[in-house]
């Protein structure tokens, strides 16, 4: 269950990186006819920013576990787990980091 959550958060990070740094989303976030300050893009960016370090730790542990399983069992499921839950989130983390450094800092 946590692996799927990790994959979803990393895909959200990719979504943020494909947007321009000064992009404004038309649909703002709001609860009960009260708008939240900053719009949906700002809230999505803050969520991704706060989830970055925990996601790095999770992806590193998944990669170590999946590499060990691939070495020990050498089956197709271990290879799929390695690509899906370790390599793809690593690419998303790398892209988010590169986008953050170039656009924000």
Foldseek 3Di string as FASTA:
>chain_A
DVLVVLLVLLVLLVVLLVDALPDADPDFDDDPPGGDPPGDSVVSVVVSVVCLVVSVVVLVVQLVVLVVCCVPPVDPVSVCSNVRRHVSSVVSSVSSVVSCVVRPD
